[in-house]
Amino acid sequence: MTSLETAKLAVKILSDKKGIDIKLIKIDSSIADYFVISTGGSSTHVKTLADEVEVKLDEAGISVSHIDGHRSDTWIVLDYVDVIVHVFSEEAREYYNLERLWQDGEEMDISGID
């Protein structure tokens, strides 16, 4: 599976679990190829979204390389090497504003991902 296919699958998983304001950003960096960013409506929702991405991608044969913030209820990062999935609380997403930090990246159209 390509990194774009992995990123799109993560978007679909987040969408299916009612992730809020999901973004797919092509960053073409030494860090990764893509960021997937989503917000959860509560601390429980943040954890549920991250858990679902981890489980469903694992079922698709894509293992997470590293998880950070799993004990946190504000920002959980799932690192799939070429794709990094960020799940934020509303406050943390506003505070860290990754979209601004990575504004040179290309925001991909996710309207057709289902």
PDB file of N, CA and C in Angstrom:
ATOM      1  N   MET A   1       0.848  -1.173   0.000  1.00  0.00           N
ATOM      2  CA  MET A   1       0.000   0.000   0.000  1.00  0.00           C
ATOM      3  C   MET A   1       0.898   1.243   0.000  1.00  0.00           C
ATOM      4  N   THR A   2       0.589   2.209  -0.851  1.00  0.00           N
ATOM      5  CA  THR A   2       1.373   3.443  -0.903  1.00  0.00           C
ATOM      6  C   THR A   2       1.059   4.327   0.300  1.00  0.00           C
ATOM      7  N   SER A   3       1.907   5.311   0.522  1.00  0.00           N
ATOM      8  CA  SER A   3       1.656   6.225   1.637  1.00  0.00           C
ATOM      9  C   SER A   3       0.367   7.009   1.428  1.00  0.00           C
ATOM     10  N   LEU A   4       0.048   7.370   0.195  1.00  0.00           N
ATOM     11  CA  LEU A   4      -1.210   8.078  -0.067  1.00  0.00           C
ATOM     12  C   LEU A   4      -2.403   7.177   0.232  1.00  0.00           C
ATOM     13  N   GLU A   5      -2.322   5.920  -0.152  1.00  0.00           N
ATOM     14  CA  GLU A   5      -3.418   4.987   0.145  1.00  0.00           C
ATOM     15  C   GLU A   5      -3.585   4.802   1.656  1.00  0.00           C
ATOM     16  N   THR A   6      -2.475   4.729   2.374  1.00  0.00           N
ATOM     17  CA  THR A   6      -2.530   4.623   3.838  1.00  0.00           C
ATOM     18  C   THR A   6      -3.190   5.865   4.429  1.00  0.00           C
ATOM     19  N   ALA A   7      -2.781   7.033   3.952  1.00  0.00           N
ATOM     20  CA  ALA A   7      -3.350   8.285   4.452  1.00  0.00           C
ATOM     21  C   ALA A   7      -4.848   8.358   4.176  1.00  0.00           C
ATOM     22  N   LYS A   8      -5.256   7.975   2.981  1.00  0.00           N
ATOM     23  CA  LYS A   8      -6.683   8.001   2.634  1.00  0.00           C
ATOM     24  C   LYS A   8      -7.474   7.010   3.480  1.00  0.00           C
ATOM     25  N   LEU A   9      -6.899   5.854   3.760  1.00  0.00           N
ATOM     26  CA  LEU A   9      -7.577   4.883   4.618  1.00  0.00           C
ATOM     27  C   LEU A   9      -7.740   5.453   6.028  1.00  0.00           C
ATOM     28  N   ALA A  10      -6.711   6.118   6.533  1.00  0.00           N
ATOM     29  CA  ALA A  10      -6.820   6.763   7.848  1.00  0.00           C
ATOM     30  C   ALA A  10      -7.924   7.816   7.851  1.00  0.00           C
ATOM     31  N   VAL A  11      -8.017   8.589   6.781  1.00  0.00           N
ATOM     32  CA  VAL A  11      -9.092   9.593   6.667  1.00  0.00           C
ATOM     33  C   VAL A  11     -10.448   8.917   6.722  1.00  0.00           C
ATOM     34  N   LYS A  12     -10.606   7.822   5.992  1.00  0.00           N
ATOM     35  CA  LYS A  12     -11.888   7.110   5.976  1.00  0.00           C
ATOM     36  C   LYS A  12     -12.233   6.582   7.364  1.00  0.00           C
ATOM     37  N   ILE A  13     -11.260   6.014   8.039  1.00  0.00           N
ATOM     38  CA  ILE A  13     -11.488   5.468   9.385  1.00  0.00           C
ATOM     39  C   ILE A  13     -11.936   6.585  10.328  1.00  0.00           C
ATOM     40  N   LEU A  14     -11.245   7.709  10.283  1.00  0.00           N
ATOM     41  CA  LEU A  14     -11.603   8.846  11.137  1.00  0.00           C
ATOM     42  C   LEU A  14     -12.991   9.371  10.791  1.00  0.00           C
ATOM     43  N   SER A  15     -13.292   9.426   9.523  1.00  0.00           N
ATOM     44  CA  SER A  15     -14.609   9.899   9.087  1.00  0.00           C
ATOM     45  C   SER A  15     -15.715   8.964   9.559  1.00  0.00           C
ATOM     46  N   ASP A  16     -15.468   7.657   9.437  1.00  0.00           N
ATOM     47  CA  ASP A  16     -16.464   6.666   9.877  1.00  0.00           C
ATOM     48  C   ASP A  16     -16.751   6.767  11.372  1.00  0.00           C
ATOM     49  N   LYS A  17     -15.763   7.223  12.148  1.00  0.00           N
ATOM     50  CA  LYS A  17     -15.923   7.371  13.603  1.00  0.00           C
ATOM     51  C   LYS A  17     -16.260   8.813  13.983  1.00  0.00           C
ATOM     52  N   LYS A  18     -16.690   9.576  13.001  1.00  0.00           N
ATOM     53  CA  LYS A  18     -17.160  10.954  13.230  1.00  0.00           C
ATOM     54  C   LYS A  18     -16.066  11.903  13.695  1.00  0.00           C
ATOM     55  N   GLY A  19     -14.855  11.739  13.155  1.00  0.00           N
ATOM     56  CA  GLY A  19     -13.804  12.710  13.406  1.00  0.00           C
ATOM     57  C   GLY A  19     -14.236  14.070  12.873  1.00  0.00           C
ATOM     58  N   ILE A  20     -13.788  15.112  13.514  1.00  0.00           N
ATOM     59  CA  ILE A  20     -14.199  16.474  13.188  1.00  0.00           C
ATOM     60  C   ILE A  20     -13.090  17.186  12.413  1.00  0.00           C
ATOM     61  N   ASP A  21     -13.466  17.907  11.357  1.00  0.00           N
ATOM     62  CA  ASP A  21     -12.545  18.753  10.585  1.00  0.00           C
ATOM     63  C   ASP A  21     -11.289  17.988  10.171  1.00  0.00           C
ATOM     64  N   ILE A  22     -11.483  16.884   9.475  1.00  0.00           N
ATOM     65  CA  ILE A  22     -10.372  16.029   9.048  1.00  0.00           C
ATOM     66  C   ILE A  22      -9.640  16.690   7.883  1.00  0.00           C
ATOM     67  N   LYS A  23      -8.322  16.704   7.968  1.00  0.00           N
ATOM     68  CA  LYS A  23      -7.483  17.262   6.909  1.00  0.00           C
ATOM     69  C   LYS A  23      -6.435  16.239   6.509  1.00  0.00           C
ATOM     70  N   LEU A  24      -6.119  16.215   5.222  1.00  0.00           N
ATOM     71  CA  LEU A  24      -5.030  15.405   4.678  1.00  0.00           C
ATOM     72  C   LEU A  24      -4.072  16.380   4.003  1.00  0.00           C
ATOM     73  N   ILE A  25      -2.855  16.451   4.519  1.00  0.00           N
ATOM     74  CA  ILE A  25      -1.882  17.407   4.014  1.00  0.00           C
ATOM     75  C   ILE A  25      -0.659  16.667   3.496  1.00  0.00           C
ATOM     76  N   LYS A  26      -0.332  16.920   2.239  1.00  0.00           N
ATOM     77  CA  LYS A  26       0.886  16.359   1.645  1.00  0.00           C
ATOM     78  C   LYS A  26       2.026  17.280   2.054  1.00  0.00           C
ATOM     79  N   ILE A  27       2.977  16.760   2.831  1.00  0.00           N
ATOM     80  CA  ILE A  27       4.039  17.617   3.344  1.00  0.00           C
ATOM     81  C   ILE A  27       5.394  17.371   2.677  1.00  0.00           C
ATOM     82  N   ASP A  28       5.598  16.214   2.055  1.00  0.00           N
ATOM     83  CA  ASP A  28       6.866  15.909   1.380  1.00  0.00           C
ATOM     84  C   ASP A  28       8.071  16.395   2.177  1.00  0.00           C
ATOM     85  N   SER A  29       8.256  15.819   3.325  1.00  0.00           N
ATOM     86  CA  SER A  29       9.327  16.213   4.234  1.00  0.00           C
ATOM     87  C   SER A  29      10.112  14.973   4.634  1.00  0.00           C
ATOM     88  N   SER A  30      11.238  15.186   5.258  1.00  0.00           N
ATOM     89  CA  SER A  30      11.994  14.040   5.775  1.00  0.00           C
ATOM     90  C   SER A  30      11.251  13.391   6.938  1.00  0.00           C
ATOM     91  N   ILE A  31      10.285  14.107   7.509  1.00  0.00           N
ATOM     92  CA  ILE A  31       9.471  13.567   8.605  1.00  0.00           C
ATOM     93  C   ILE A  31       8.484  12.532   8.085  1.00  0.00           C
ATOM     94  N   ALA A  32       7.787  12.868   7.008  1.00  0.00           N
ATOM     95  CA  ALA A  32       6.753  11.996   6.442  1.00  0.00           C
ATOM     96  C   ALA A  32       6.323  12.560   5.097  1.00  0.00           C
ATOM     97  N   ASP A  33       5.468  11.798   4.416  1.00  0.00           N
ATOM     98  CA  ASP A  33       4.881  12.283   3.162  1.00  0.00           C
ATOM     99  C   ASP A  33       3.558  13.003   3.409  1.00  0.00           C
ATOM    100  N   TYR A  34       2.800  12.502   4.409  1.00  0.00           N
ATOM    101  CA  TYR A  34       1.464  13.037   4.664  1.00  0.00           C
ATOM    102  C   TYR A  34       1.197  13.176   6.151  1.00  0.00           C
ATOM    103  N   PHE A  35       0.433  14.212   6.494  1.00  0.00           N
ATOM    104  CA  PHE A  35      -0.175  14.355   7.806  1.00  0.00           C
ATOM    105  C   PHE A  35      -1.672  14.153   7.627  1.00  0.00           C
ATOM    106  N   VAL A  36      -2.269  13.409   8.533  1.00  0.00           N
ATOM    107  CA  VAL A  36      -3.723  13.337   8.641  1.00  0.00           C
ATOM    108  C   VAL A  36      -4.046  13.956   9.995  1.00  0.00           C
ATOM    109  N   ILE A  37      -4.934  14.942   9.995  1.00  0.00           N
ATOM    110  CA  ILE A  37      -5.263  15.676  11.214  1.00  0.00           C
ATOM    111  C   ILE A  37      -6.765  15.605  11.445  1.00  0.00           C
ATOM    112  N   SER A  38      -7.154  15.308  12.677  1.00  0.00           N
ATOM    113  CA  SER A  38      -8.571  15.243  13.032  1.00  0.00           C
ATOM    114  C   SER A  38      -8.753  15.734  14.458  1.00  0.00           C
ATOM    115  N   THR A  39      -9.966  16.159  14.751  1.00  0.00           N
ATOM    116  CA  THR A  39     -10.329  16.594  16.087  1.00  0.00           C
ATOM    117  C   THR A  39     -11.384  15.651  16.636  1.00  0.00           C
ATOM    118  N   GLY A  40     -11.298  15.386  17.929  1.00  0.00           N
ATOM    119  CA  GLY A  40     -12.332  14.640  18.632  1.00  0.00           C
ATOM    120  C   GLY A  40     -13.139  15.600  19.491  1.00  0.00           C
ATOM    121  N   GLY A  41     -14.406  15.299  19.670  1.00  0.00           N
ATOM    122  CA  GLY A  41     -15.297  16.184  20.411  1.00  0.00           C
ATOM    123  C   GLY A  41     -15.166  16.106  21.920  1.00  0.00           C
ATOM    124  N   SER A  42     -14.442  15.116  22.413  1.00  0.00           N
ATOM    125  CA  SER A  42     -14.227  14.944  23.853  1.00  0.00           C
ATOM    126  C   SER A  42     -12.963  14.119  24.037  1.00  0.00           C
ATOM    127  N   SER A  43     -12.480  14.018  25.271  1.00  0.00           N
ATOM    128  CA  SER A  43     -11.279  13.220  25.507  1.00  0.00           C
ATOM    129  C   SER A  43     -11.520  11.756  25.144  1.00  0.00           C
ATOM    130  N   THR A  44     -12.713  11.266  25.422  1.00  0.00           N
ATOM    131  CA  THR A  44     -13.055   9.889  25.064  1.00  0.00           C
ATOM    132  C   THR A  44     -13.052   9.711  23.551  1.00  0.00           C
ATOM    133  N   HIS A  45     -13.583  10.697  22.837  1.00  0.00           N
ATOM    134  CA  HIS A  45     -13.632  10.634  21.373  1.00  0.00           C
ATOM    135  C   HIS A  45     -12.218  10.669  20.787  1.00  0.00           C
ATOM    136  N   VAL A  46     -11.335  11.492  21.351  1.00  0.00           N
ATOM    137  CA  VAL A  46      -9.942  11.548  20.890  1.00  0.00           C
ATOM    138  C   VAL A  46      -9.314  10.159  20.991  1.00  0.00           C
ATOM    139  N   LYS A  47      -9.465   9.520  22.130  1.00  0.00           N
ATOM    140  CA  LYS A  47      -8.884   8.185  22.328  1.00  0.00           C
ATOM    141  C   LYS A  47      -9.538   7.147  21.417  1.00  0.00           C
ATOM    142  N   THR A  48     -10.853   7.240  21.252  1.00  0.00           N
ATOM    143  CA  THR A  48     -11.568   6.306  20.384  1.00  0.00           C
ATOM    144  C   THR A  48     -11.097   6.425  18.942  1.00  0.00           C
ATOM    145  N   LEU A  49     -10.943   7.661  18.466  1.00  0.00           N
ATOM    146  CA  LEU A  49     -10.474   7.872  17.094  1.00  0.00           C
ATOM    147  C   LEU A  49      -9.081   7.270  16.900  1.00  0.00           C
ATOM    148  N   ALA A  50      -8.167   7.549  17.822  1.00  0.00           N
ATOM    149  CA  ALA A  50      -6.803   7.024  17.705  1.00  0.00           C
ATOM    150  C   ALA A  50      -6.782   5.500  17.766  1.00  0.00           C
ATOM    151  N   ASP A  51      -7.547   4.937  18.690  1.00  0.00           N
ATOM    152  CA  ASP A  51      -7.617   3.476  18.805  1.00  0.00           C
ATOM    153  C   ASP A  51      -8.157   2.847  17.528  1.00  0.00           C
ATOM    154  N   GLU A  52      -9.186   3.454  16.962  1.00  0.00           N
ATOM    155  CA  GLU A  52      -9.803   2.902  15.747  1.00  0.00           C
ATOM    156  C   GLU A  52      -8.829   2.936  14.572  1.00  0.00           C
ATOM    157  N   VAL A  53      -8.086   4.028  14.419  1.00  0.00           N
ATOM    158  CA  VAL A  53      -7.086   4.102  13.355  1.00  0.00           C
ATOM    159  C   VAL A  53      -6.053   2.999  13.545  1.00  0.00           C
ATOM    160  N   GLU A  54      -5.561   2.844  14.762  1.00  0.00           N
ATOM    161  CA  GLU A  54      -4.550   1.824  15.026  1.00  0.00           C
ATOM    162  C   GLU A  54      -5.073   0.418  14.701  1.00  0.00           C
ATOM    163  N   VAL A  55      -6.265   0.093  15.159  1.00  0.00           N
ATOM    164  CA  VAL A  55      -6.838  -1.240  14.952  1.00  0.00           C
ATOM    165  C   VAL A  55      -7.114  -1.503  13.469  1.00  0.00           C
ATOM    166  N   LYS A  56      -7.784  -0.554  12.808  1.00  0.00           N
ATOM    167  CA  LYS A  56      -8.180  -0.769  11.408  1.00  0.00           C
ATOM    168  C   LYS A  56      -6.978  -0.797  10.467  1.00  0.00           C
ATOM    169  N   LEU A  57      -5.988   0.052  10.698  1.00  0.00           N
ATOM    170  CA  LEU A  57      -4.800  -0.005   9.847  1.00  0.00           C
ATOM    171  C   LEU A  57      -4.022  -1.295  10.095  1.00  0.00           C
ATOM    172  N   ASP A  58      -3.976  -1.740  11.344  1.00  0.00           N
ATOM    173  CA  ASP A  58      -3.326  -3.009  11.648  1.00  0.00           C
ATOM    174  C   ASP A  58      -4.033  -4.153  10.931  1.00  0.00           C
ATOM    175  N   GLU A  59      -5.364  -4.126  10.908  1.00  0.00           N
ATOM    176  CA  GLU A  59      -6.139  -5.151  10.192  1.00  0.00           C
ATOM    177  C   GLU A  59      -5.832  -5.128   8.699  1.00  0.00           C
ATOM    178  N   ALA A  60      -5.465  -3.943   8.181  1.00  0.00           N
ATOM    179  CA  ALA A  60      -5.109  -3.805   6.768  1.00  0.00           C
ATOM    180  C   ALA A  60      -3.639  -4.144   6.515  1.00  0.00           C
ATOM    181  N   GLY A  61      -2.939  -4.586   7.566  1.00  0.00           N
ATOM    182  CA  GLY A  61      -1.546  -4.980   7.421  1.00  0.00           C
ATOM    183  C   GLY A  61      -0.561  -3.828   7.576  1.00  0.00           C
ATOM    184  N   ILE A  62      -1.014  -2.719   8.131  1.00  0.00           N
ATOM    185  CA  ILE A  62      -0.156  -1.545   8.301  1.00  0.00           C
ATOM    186  C   ILE A  62       0.051  -1.327   9.796  1.00  0.00           C
ATOM    187  N   SER A  63       1.254  -1.601  10.259  1.00  0.00           N
ATOM    188  CA  SER A  63       1.542  -1.508  11.685  1.00  0.00           C
ATOM    189  C   SER A  63       2.069  -0.130  12.047  1.00  0.00           C
ATOM    190  N   VAL A  64       1.627   0.364  13.179  1.00  0.00           N
ATOM    191  CA  VAL A  64       2.091   1.653  13.668  1.00  0.00           C
ATOM    192  C   VAL A  64       3.542   1.515  14.123  1.00  0.00           C
ATOM    193  N   SER A  65       4.358   2.497  13.777  1.00  0.00           N
ATOM    194  CA  SER A  65       5.756   2.497  14.176  1.00  0.00           C
ATOM    195  C   SER A  65       5.914   3.016  15.601  1.00  0.00           C
ATOM    196  N   HIS A  66       5.131   4.046  15.935  1.00  0.00           N
ATOM    197  CA  HIS A  66       5.236   4.658  17.257  1.00  0.00           C
ATOM    198  C   HIS A  66       3.948   5.411  17.573  1.00  0.00           C
ATOM    199  N   ILE A  67       3.547   5.383  18.834  1.00  0.00           N
ATOM    200  CA  ILE A  67       2.394   6.152  19.301  1.00  0.00           C
ATOM    201  C   ILE A  67       2.864   7.056  20.430  1.00  0.00           C
ATOM    202  N   ASP A  68       2.481   8.305  20.363  1.00  0.00           N
ATOM    203  CA  ASP A  68       2.836   9.236  21.424  1.00  0.00           C
ATOM    204  C   ASP A  68       1.563   9.919  21.918  1.00  0.00           C
ATOM    205  N   GLY A  69       1.508  10.155  23.215  1.00  0.00           N
ATOM    206  CA  GLY A  69       0.364  10.843  23.795  1.00  0.00           C
ATOM    207  C   GLY A  69      -0.813   9.954  24.100  1.00  0.00           C
ATOM    208  N   HIS A  70      -0.636   8.622  24.053  1.00  0.00           N
ATOM    209  CA  HIS A  70      -1.769   7.713  24.224  1.00  0.00           C
ATOM    210  C   HIS A  70      -2.412   7.841  25.598  1.00  0.00           C
ATOM    211  N   ARG A  71      -1.663   8.294  26.566  1.00  0.00           N
ATOM    212  CA  ARG A  71      -2.260   8.513  27.890  1.00  0.00           C
ATOM    213  C   ARG A  71      -2.868   9.910  27.992  1.00  0.00           C
ATOM    214  N   SER A  72      -2.674  10.696  26.962  1.00  0.00           N
ATOM    215  CA  SER A  72      -3.178  12.060  26.939  1.00  0.00           C
ATOM    216  C   SER A  72      -4.608  12.073  26.410  1.00  0.00           C
ATOM    217  N   ASP A  73      -5.335  13.098  26.766  1.00  0.00           N
ATOM    218  CA  ASP A  73      -6.670  13.238  26.199  1.00  0.00           C
ATOM    219  C   ASP A  73      -6.746  14.468  25.300  1.00  0.00           C
ATOM    220  N   THR A  74      -5.569  15.011  24.921  1.00  0.00           N
ATOM    221  CA  THR A  74      -5.573  16.217  24.112  1.00  0.00           C
ATOM    222  C   THR A  74      -4.914  16.056  22.744  1.00  0.00           C
ATOM    223  N   TRP A  75      -3.881  15.206  22.620  1.00  0.00           N
ATOM    224  CA  TRP A  75      -3.184  15.047  21.344  1.00  0.00           C
ATOM    225  C   TRP A  75      -2.532  13.675  21.307  1.00  0.00           C
ATOM    226  N   ILE A  76      -2.974  12.856  20.375  1.00  0.00           N
ATOM    227  CA  ILE A  76      -2.389  11.530  20.180  1.00  0.00           C
ATOM    228  C   ILE A  76      -1.812  11.479  18.770  1.00  0.00           C
ATOM    229  N   VAL A  77      -0.562  11.032  18.663  1.00  0.00           N
ATOM    230  CA  VAL A  77       0.130  10.951  17.381  1.00  0.00           C
ATOM    231  C   VAL A  77       0.410   9.481  17.078  1.00  0.00           C
ATOM    232  N   LEU A  78      -0.024   9.048  15.904  1.00  0.00           N
ATOM    233  CA  LEU A  78       0.267   7.696  15.430  1.00  0.00           C
ATOM    234  C   LEU A  78       1.209   7.828  14.235  1.00  0.00           C
ATOM    235  N   ASP A  79       2.405   7.286  14.365  1.00  0.00           N
ATOM    236  CA  ASP A  79       3.444   7.421  13.353  1.00  0.00           C
ATOM    237  C   ASP A  79       3.507   6.144  12.515  1.00  0.00           C
ATOM    238  N   TYR A  80       3.164   6.291  11.247  1.00  0.00           N
ATOM    239  CA  TYR A  80       3.238   5.181  10.300  1.00  0.00           C
ATOM    240  C   TYR A  80       4.386   5.398   9.310  1.00  0.00           C
ATOM    241  N   VAL A  81       5.429   6.068   9.745  1.00  0.00           N
ATOM    242  CA  VAL A  81       6.645   6.394   9.008  1.00  0.00           C
ATOM    243  C   VAL A  81       6.370   7.428   7.909  1.00  0.00           C
ATOM    244  N   ASP A  82       5.682   7.049   6.846  1.00  0.00           N
ATOM    245  CA  ASP A  82       5.394   7.991   5.757  1.00  0.00           C
ATOM    246  C   ASP A  82       4.108   8.772   5.989  1.00  0.00           C
ATOM    247  N   VAL A  83       3.304   8.333   6.933  1.00  0.00           N
ATOM    248  CA  VAL A  83       2.036   8.983   7.261  1.00  0.00           C
ATOM    249  C   VAL A  83       1.990   9.167   8.774  1.00  0.00           C
ATOM    250  N   ILE A  84       1.699  10.386   9.198  1.00  0.00           N
ATOM    251  CA  ILE A  84       1.558  10.662  10.627  1.00  0.00           C
ATOM    252  C   ILE A  84       0.133  11.143  10.874  1.00  0.00           C
ATOM    253  N   VAL A  85      -0.546  10.452  11.773  1.00  0.00           N
ATOM    254  CA  VAL A  85      -1.938  10.773  12.103  1.00  0.00           C
ATOM    255  C   VAL A  85      -1.948  11.507  13.443  1.00  0.00           C
ATOM    256  N   HIS A  86      -2.552  12.691  13.437  1.00  0.00           N
ATOM    257  CA  HIS A  86      -2.674  13.517  14.641  1.00  0.00           C
ATOM    258  C   HIS A  86      -4.154  13.587  15.011  1.00  0.00           C
ATOM    259  N   VAL A  87      -4.472  13.218  16.247  1.00  0.00           N
ATOM    260  CA  VAL A  87      -5.849  13.336  16.741  1.00  0.00           C
ATOM    261  C   VAL A  87      -5.811  14.281  17.942  1.00  0.00           C
ATOM    262  N   PHE A  88      -6.516  15.385  17.817  1.00  0.00           N
ATOM    263  CA  PHE A  88      -6.478  16.462  18.804  1.00  0.00           C
ATOM    264  C   PHE A  88      -7.814  16.656  19.503  1.00  0.00           C
ATOM    265  N   SER A  89      -7.746  17.229  20.701  1.00  0.00           N
ATOM    266  CA  SER A  89      -8.924  17.866  21.285  1.00  0.00           C
ATOM    267  C   SER A  89      -9.057  19.211  20.567  1.00  0.00           C
ATOM    268  N   GLU A  90     -10.219  19.839  20.670  1.00  0.00           N
ATOM    269  CA  GLU A  90     -10.418  21.128  20.000  1.00  0.00           C
ATOM    270  C   GLU A  90      -9.405  22.165  20.489  1.00  0.00           C
ATOM    271  N   GLU A  91      -9.189  22.223  21.796  1.00  0.00           N
ATOM    272  CA  GLU A  91      -8.286  23.220  22.360  1.00  0.00           C
ATOM    273  C   GLU A  91      -6.849  22.994  21.906  1.00  0.00           C
ATOM    274  N   ALA A  92      -6.393  21.753  21.920  1.00  0.00           N
ATOM    275  CA  ALA A  92      -5.018  21.449  21.516  1.00  0.00           C
ATOM    276  C   ALA A  92      -4.812  21.721  20.033  1.00  0.00           C
ATOM    277  N   ARG A  93      -5.799  21.404  19.212  1.00  0.00           N
ATOM    278  CA  ARG A  93      -5.647  21.653  17.778  1.00  0.00           C
ATOM    279  C   ARG A  93      -5.533  23.143  17.501  1.00  0.00           C
ATOM    280  N   GLU A  94      -6.342  23.914  18.177  1.00  0.00           N
ATOM    281  CA  GLU A  94      -6.275  25.362  18.007  1.00  0.00           C
ATOM    282  C   GLU A  94      -4.926  25.901  18.495  1.00  0.00           C
ATOM    283  N   TYR A  95      -4.455  25.397  19.620  1.00  0.00           N
ATOM    284  CA  TYR A  95      -3.201  25.868  20.198  1.00  0.00           C
ATOM    285  C   TYR A  95      -1.993  25.534  19.307  1.00  0.00           C
ATOM    286  N   TYR A  96      -1.878  24.281  18.877  1.00  0.00           N
ATOM    287  CA  TYR A  96      -0.716  23.851  18.100  1.00  0.00           C
ATOM    288  C   TYR A  96      -0.806  24.240  16.630  1.00  0.00           C
ATOM    289  N   ASN A  97      -2.002  24.322  16.097  1.00  0.00           N
ATOM    290  CA  ASN A  97      -2.263  24.815  14.738  1.00  0.00           C
ATOM    291  C   ASN A  97      -1.284  24.259  13.694  1.00  0.00           C
ATOM    292  N   LEU A  98      -1.249  22.945  13.567  1.00  0.00           N
ATOM    293  CA  LEU A  98      -0.336  22.310  12.613  1.00  0.00           C
ATOM    294  C   LEU A  98      -0.577  22.767  11.180  1.00  0.00           C
ATOM    295  N   GLU A  99      -1.817  23.087  10.859  1.00  0.00           N
ATOM    296  CA  GLU A  99      -2.109  23.547   9.509  1.00  0.00           C
ATOM    297  C   GLU A  99      -1.317  24.821   9.192  1.00  0.00           C
ATOM    298  N   ARG A 100      -1.159  25.708  10.159  1.00  0.00           N
ATOM    299  CA  ARG A 100      -0.375  26.925   9.956  1.00  0.00           C
ATOM    300  C   ARG A 100       1.107  26.583   9.867  1.00  0.00           C
ATOM    301  N   LEU A 101       1.571  25.705  10.754  1.00  0.00           N
ATOM    302  CA  LEU A 101       2.983  25.338  10.756  1.00  0.00           C
ATOM    303  C   LEU A 101       3.400  24.662   9.445  1.00  0.00           C
ATOM    304  N   TRP A 102       2.496  23.907   8.852  1.00  0.00           N
ATOM    305  CA  TRP A 102       2.778  23.188   7.623  1.00  0.00           C
ATOM    306  C   TRP A 102       2.028  23.799   6.442  1.00  0.00           C
ATOM    307  N   GLN A 103       1.893  25.127   6.446  1.00  0.00           N
ATOM    308  CA  GLN A 103       1.131  25.796   5.398  1.00  0.00           C
ATOM    309  C   GLN A 103       1.760  25.658   4.018  1.00  0.00           C
ATOM    310  N   ASP A 104       3.030  25.301   3.950  1.00  0.00           N
ATOM    311  CA  ASP A 104       3.659  25.053   2.655  1.00  0.00           C
ATOM    312  C   ASP A 104       3.224  23.718   2.060  1.00  0.00           C
ATOM    313  N   GLY A 105       2.617  22.881   2.901  1.00  0.00           N
ATOM    314  CA  GLY A 105       2.115  21.597   2.420  1.00  0.00           C
ATOM    315  C   GLY A 105       0.877  21.796   1.567  1.00  0.00           C
ATOM    316  N   GLU A 106       0.515  20.764   0.841  1.00  0.00           N
ATOM    317  CA  GLU A 106      -0.651  20.812  -0.044  1.00  0.00           C
ATOM    318  C   GLU A 106      -1.825  20.100   0.635  1.00  0.00           C
ATOM    319  N   GLU A 107      -2.880  20.855   0.920  1.00  0.00           N
ATOM    320  CA  GLU A 107      -4.066  20.220   1.492  1.00  0.00           C
ATOM    321  C   GLU A 107      -4.787  19.460   0.374  1.00  0.00           C
ATOM    322  N   MET A 108      -4.988  18.185   0.614  1.00  0.00           N
ATOM    323  CA  MET A 108      -5.586  17.305  -0.396  1.00  0.00           C
ATOM    324  C   MET A 108      -7.113  17.331  -0.249  1.00  0.00           C
ATOM    325  N   ASP A 109      -7.793  17.158  -1.365  1.00  0.00           N
ATOM    326  CA  ASP A 109      -9.255  17.068  -1.356  1.00  0.00           C
ATOM    327  C   ASP A 109      -9.651  15.680  -0.876  1.00  0.00           C
ATOM    328  N   ILE A 110     -10.412  15.630   0.207  1.00  0.00           N
ATOM    329  CA  ILE A 110     -10.838  14.336   0.761  1.00  0.00           C
ATOM    330  C   ILE A 110     -12.330  14.100   0.572  1.00  0.00           C
ATOM    331  N   SER A 111     -12.980  14.965  -0.197  1.00  0.00           N
ATOM    332  CA  SER A 111     -14.431  14.858  -0.352  1.00  0.00           C
ATOM    333  C   SER A 111     -14.870  13.540  -0.990  1.00  0.00           C
ATOM    334  N   GLY A 112     -14.023  12.920  -1.792  1.00  0.00           N
ATOM    335  CA  GLY A 112     -14.410  11.682  -2.453  1.00  0.00           C
ATOM    336  C   GLY A 112     -13.995  10.415  -1.729  1.00  0.00           C
ATOM    337  N   ILE A 113     -13.417  10.548  -0.556  1.00  0.00           N
ATOM    338  CA  ILE A 113     -12.947   9.377   0.183  1.00  0.00           C
ATOM    339  C   ILE A 113     -14.110   8.791   0.977  1.00  0.00           C
ATOM    340  N   ASP A 114     -14.462   7.549   0.656  1.00  0.00           N
ATOM    341  CA  ASP A 114     -15.544   6.887   1.390  1.00  0.00           C
ATOM    342  C   ASP A 114     -15.349   5.434   1.490  1.00  0.00           C
TER     343      ASP A 114
END
